[in-house]
Amino acid sequence: MFKKLLILAGVVAVAAVVAQKIKASNDERALWHEATTSPDLR
């Protein structure tokens, strides 16, 4: 039982780290897109 809880906690921790890295990557990509595109001055 305890071993299953440890495995579950490990899977949740890895998923949290992956989700954080994906969010950081998306945020940085959006920032670069905003910084490198010319403003729409219409």
PDB file of N, CA and C in Angstrom:
ATOM      1  N   MET A   1       0.827  -1.198   0.000  1.00  0.00           N
ATOM      2  CA  MET A   1       0.000   0.000   0.000  1.00  0.00           C
ATOM      3  C   MET A   1       0.870   1.261   0.000  1.00  0.00           C
ATOM      4  N   PHE A   2       1.872   1.263   0.891  1.00  0.00           N
ATOM      5  CA  PHE A   2       2.749   2.435   0.987  1.00  0.00           C
ATOM      6  C   PHE A   2       3.545   2.632  -0.299  1.00  0.00           C
ATOM      7  N   LYS A   3       3.942   1.527  -0.922  1.00  0.00           N
ATOM      8  CA  LYS A   3       4.712   1.597  -2.162  1.00  0.00           C
ATOM      9  C   LYS A   3       3.872   2.233  -3.277  1.00  0.00           C
ATOM     10  N   LYS A   4       2.580   1.889  -3.324  1.00  0.00           N
ATOM     11  CA  LYS A   4       1.689   2.467  -4.330  1.00  0.00           C
ATOM     12  C   LYS A   4       1.528   3.968  -4.117  1.00  0.00           C
ATOM     13  N   LEU A   5       1.440   4.391  -2.856  1.00  0.00           N
ATOM     14  CA  LEU A   5       1.324   5.824  -2.561  1.00  0.00           C
ATOM     15  C   LEU A   5       2.591   6.577  -2.974  1.00  0.00           C
ATOM     16  N   LEU A   6       3.751   5.971  -2.752  1.00  0.00           N
ATOM     17  CA  LEU A   6       5.004   6.601  -3.170  1.00  0.00           C
ATOM     18  C   LEU A   6       5.080   6.733  -4.689  1.00  0.00           C
ATOM     19  N   ILE A   7       4.663   5.694  -5.385  1.00  0.00           N
ATOM     20  CA  ILE A   7       4.672   5.740  -6.851  1.00  0.00           C
ATOM     21  C   ILE A   7       3.702   6.807  -7.343  1.00  0.00           C
ATOM     22  N   LEU A   8       2.525   6.867  -6.754  1.00  0.00           N
ATOM     23  CA  LEU A   8       1.539   7.875  -7.136  1.00  0.00           C
ATOM     24  C   LEU A   8       2.065   9.280  -6.865  1.00  0.00           C
ATOM     25  N   ALA A   9       2.700   9.491  -5.713  1.00  0.00           N
ATOM     26  CA  ALA A   9       3.267  10.796  -5.384  1.00  0.00           C
ATOM     27  C   ALA A   9       4.367  11.168  -6.389  1.00  0.00           C
ATOM     28  N   GLY A  10       5.167  10.204  -6.788  1.00  0.00           N
ATOM     29  CA  GLY A  10       6.221  10.460  -7.776  1.00  0.00           C
ATOM     30  C   GLY A  10       5.642  10.848  -9.127  1.00  0.00           C
ATOM     31  N   VAL A  11       4.597  10.146  -9.551  1.00  0.00           N
ATOM     32  CA  VAL A  11       3.958  10.454 -10.828  1.00  0.00           C
ATOM     33  C   VAL A  11       3.352  11.856 -10.791  1.00  0.00           C
ATOM     34  N   VAL A  12       2.702  12.206  -9.678  1.00  0.00           N
ATOM     35  CA  VAL A  12       2.103  13.536  -9.545  1.00  0.00           C
ATOM     36  C   VAL A  12       3.187  14.614  -9.557  1.00  0.00           C
ATOM     37  N   ALA A  13       4.293  14.364  -8.884  1.00  0.00           N
ATOM     38  CA  ALA A  13       5.389  15.335  -8.859  1.00  0.00           C
ATOM     39  C   ALA A  13       5.979  15.539 -10.256  1.00  0.00           C
ATOM     40  N   VAL A  14       6.188  14.460 -10.986  1.00  0.00           N
ATOM     41  CA  VAL A  14       6.731  14.567 -12.345  1.00  0.00           C
ATOM     42  C   VAL A  14       5.749  15.316 -13.241  1.00  0.00           C
ATOM     43  N   ALA A  15       4.468  15.025 -13.109  1.00  0.00           N
ATOM     44  CA  ALA A  15       3.465  15.715 -13.919  1.00  0.00           C
ATOM     45  C   ALA A  15       3.451  17.208 -13.607  1.00  0.00           C
ATOM     46  N   ALA A  16       3.609  17.568 -12.341  1.00  0.00           N
ATOM     47  CA  ALA A  16       3.628  18.981 -11.960  1.00  0.00           C
ATOM     48  C   ALA A  16       4.842  19.689 -12.567  1.00  0.00           C
ATOM     49  N   VAL A  17       5.990  19.042 -12.543  1.00  0.00           N
ATOM     50  CA  VAL A  17       7.205  19.646 -13.106  1.00  0.00           C
ATOM     51  C   VAL A  17       7.064  19.817 -14.608  1.00  0.00           C
ATOM     52  N   VAL A  18       6.529  18.805 -15.277  1.00  0.00           N
ATOM     53  CA  VAL A  18       6.339  18.887 -16.729  1.00  0.00           C
ATOM     54  C   VAL A  18       5.354  19.995 -17.075  1.00  0.00           C
ATOM     55  N   ALA A  19       4.259  20.088 -16.332  1.00  0.00           N
ATOM     56  CA  ALA A  19       3.269  21.134 -16.588  1.00  0.00           C
ATOM     57  C   ALA A  19       3.875  22.517 -16.378  1.00  0.00           C
ATOM     58  N   GLN A  20       4.712  22.663 -15.353  1.00  0.00           N
ATOM     59  CA  GLN A  20       5.363  23.947 -15.088  1.00  0.00           C
ATOM     60  C   GLN A  20       6.315  24.315 -16.228  1.00  0.00           C
ATOM     61  N   LYS A  21       7.066  23.346 -16.728  1.00  0.00           N
ATOM     62  CA  LYS A  21       8.004  23.623 -17.824  1.00  0.00           C
ATOM     63  C   LYS A  21       7.251  23.989 -19.103  1.00  0.00           C
ATOM     64  N   ILE A  22       6.141  23.301 -19.373  1.00  0.00           N
ATOM     65  CA  ILE A  22       5.347  23.614 -20.563  1.00  0.00           C
ATOM     66  C   ILE A  22       4.771  25.015 -20.462  1.00  0.00           C
ATOM     67  N   LYS A  23       4.266  25.392 -19.295  1.00  0.00           N
ATOM     68  CA  LYS A  23       3.711  26.729 -19.099  1.00  0.00           C
ATOM     69  C   LYS A  23       4.795  27.789 -19.275  1.00  0.00           C
ATOM     70  N   ALA A  24       5.970  27.553 -18.710  1.00  0.00           N
ATOM     71  CA  ALA A  24       7.070  28.501 -18.839  1.00  0.00           C
ATOM     72  C   ALA A  24       7.484  28.644 -20.301  1.00  0.00           C
ATOM     73  N   SER A  25       7.516  27.533 -21.019  1.00  0.00           N
ATOM     74  CA  SER A  25       7.876  27.574 -22.434  1.00  0.00           C
ATOM     75  C   SER A  25       6.843  28.359 -23.237  1.00  0.00           C
ATOM     76  N   ASN A  26       5.564  28.115 -22.963  1.00  0.00           N
ATOM     77  CA  ASN A  26       4.507  28.845 -23.668  1.00  0.00           C
ATOM     78  C   ASN A  26       4.547  30.332 -23.348  1.00  0.00           C
ATOM     79  N   ASP A  27       4.787  30.672 -22.076  1.00  0.00           N
ATOM     80  CA  ASP A  27       4.875  32.079 -21.682  1.00  0.00           C
ATOM     81  C   ASP A  27       6.042  32.768 -22.378  1.00  0.00           C
ATOM     82  N   GLU A  28       7.189  32.099 -22.446  1.00  0.00           N
ATOM     83  CA  GLU A  28       8.354  32.694 -23.087  1.00  0.00           C
ATOM     84  C   GLU A  28       8.123  32.852 -24.590  1.00  0.00           C
ATOM     85  N   ARG A  29       7.485  31.862 -25.220  1.00  0.00           N
ATOM     86  CA  ARG A  29       7.186  31.947 -26.644  1.00  0.00           C
ATOM     87  C   ARG A  29       6.237  33.116 -26.923  1.00  0.00           C
ATOM     88  N   ALA A  30       5.243  33.294 -26.065  1.00  0.00           N
ATOM     89  CA  ALA A  30       4.304  34.396 -26.245  1.00  0.00           C
ATOM     90  C   ALA A  30       5.011  35.735 -26.075  1.00  0.00           C
ATOM     91  N   LEU A  31       5.916  35.811 -25.117  1.00  0.00           N
ATOM     92  CA  LEU A  31       6.664  37.054 -24.903  1.00  0.00           C
ATOM     93  C   LEU A  31       7.541  37.374 -26.105  1.00  0.00           C
ATOM     94  N   TRP A  32       8.242  36.377 -26.650  1.00  0.00           N
ATOM     95  CA  TRP A  32       9.072  36.596 -27.831  1.00  0.00           C
ATOM     96  C   TRP A  32       8.209  37.000 -29.028  1.00  0.00           C
ATOM     97  N   HIS A  33       7.055  36.380 -29.155  1.00  0.00           N
ATOM     98  CA  HIS A  33       6.168  36.734 -30.261  1.00  0.00           C
ATOM     99  C   HIS A  33       5.741  38.199 -30.141  1.00  0.00           C
ATOM    100  N   GLU A  34       5.390  38.599 -28.938  1.00  0.00           N
ATOM    101  CA  GLU A  34       4.973  39.982 -28.718  1.00  0.00           C
ATOM    102  C   GLU A  34       6.126  40.951 -28.956  1.00  0.00           C
ATOM    103  N   ALA A  35       7.335  40.564 -28.564  1.00  0.00           N
ATOM    104  CA  ALA A  35       8.478  41.458 -28.683  1.00  0.00           C
ATOM    105  C   ALA A  35       8.987  41.559 -30.101  1.00  0.00           C
ATOM    106  N   THR A  36       8.754  40.538 -30.920  1.00  0.00           N
ATOM    107  CA  THR A  36       9.373  40.533 -32.246  1.00  0.00           C
ATOM    108  C   THR A  36       8.381  40.857 -33.377  1.00  0.00           C
ATOM    109  N   THR A  37       7.110  40.989 -33.086  1.00  0.00           N
ATOM    110  CA  THR A  37       6.156  41.352 -34.124  1.00  0.00           C
ATOM    111  C   THR A  37       5.934  42.855 -34.099  1.00  0.00           C
ATOM    112  N   SER A  38       5.737  43.395 -35.264  1.00  0.00           N
ATOM    113  CA  SER A  38       5.516  44.836 -35.319  1.00  0.00           C
ATOM    114  C   SER A  38       4.098  45.147 -34.822  1.00  0.00           C
ATOM    115  N   PRO A  39       3.934  46.275 -34.178  1.00  0.00           N
ATOM    116  CA  PRO A  39       2.611  46.613 -33.651  1.00  0.00           C
ATOM    117  C   PRO A  39       1.631  46.925 -34.782  1.00  0.00           C
ATOM    118  N   ASP A  40       0.407  46.609 -34.553  1.00  0.00           N
ATOM    119  CA  ASP A  40      -0.651  46.875 -35.529  1.00  0.00           C
ATOM    120  C   ASP A  40      -1.202  48.281 -35.253  1.00  0.00           C
ATOM    121  N   LEU A  41      -0.818  49.215 -36.067  1.00  0.00           N
ATOM    122  CA  LEU A  41      -1.150  50.618 -35.813  1.00  0.00           C
ATOM    123  C   LEU A  41      -2.325  51.107 -36.666  1.00  0.00           C
ATOM    124  N   ARG A  42      -3.214  50.204 -37.023  1.00  0.00           N
ATOM    125  CA  ARG A  42      -4.358  50.595 -37.835  1.00  0.00           C
ATOM    126  C   ARG A  42      -5.355  51.407 -37.055  1.00  0.00           C
TER     127      ARG A  42
END
